[in-house]
Amino acid sequence: MNKQRQQEILRQLAEHLTPKRLAHSRQVAETAAKLAKVHDVDVEDAMLAGLLHDCARELTHKEMMLAAQQAGLVWGVEEEAEPVLLHAALAANWARLRYGVKKEAVLQAIALHTTGGPQMTRLDQILYLADLIEPGRDFPGVTELRRLAERDLEAALLKAFDGSILHLLRHGALLHPATVEGRNWLLLQLRQRKKGC
């Protein structure tokens, strides 16, 4: 993505994101690009996914449900109860329709950035983690998670899934099946990797 394209995307995003959300999107893009460079993933894809991952996040819950319905998106009882979860699928939809993104890998990373899921690609993993560890995030353990993400992407993702699930359990919130499936799939991958050593 050249500088001109990046500036055009930022200009478009600024029309419907708050300055705080726009700053978050920039920081996620920069963090994703940094991780992509470290883990030999396409840096431009990571930057693009990071910039656009929250492009639908400023909609109200009612607007998200309406927009998802109009886009023909299918959702489950978890999204029905927590419509904010729809922003990821909507962002992927908008990235394609409004920002002209054609790469399925980028669209998939955007769609999975909130819940994760099984068989996540390295780009998916990078965006999920970048959203969690960008410099504006501040929670216990984030510094350790940032370091781990640079050394071992999958180990960092497992830690991120664990933290997310524990947080949801502590708050009596619903667990999204994609998050549980993603964690289980990843755990099995890591066990296989350990056996192979």
Foldseek 3Di string as FASTA:
>chain_A
DDPVLVVVLLVVLPVQDDPVVQVLLQLLLVQLLVLCVLVVHPSVLSNLLSNQLQSPQRDDLVVLVVLCVVVVHDDDPQCVVVVSLSRQLVSLVCCCVVVVDDDVLSSVLSNQLPQAAAPNDLSNLSSVLSSQQGPVDDDPPSVVLSVCSSVPSLVSSLVVLVVVVVVCVVVVGDRDVRSVRHNVNSVVVVVVVVVVD
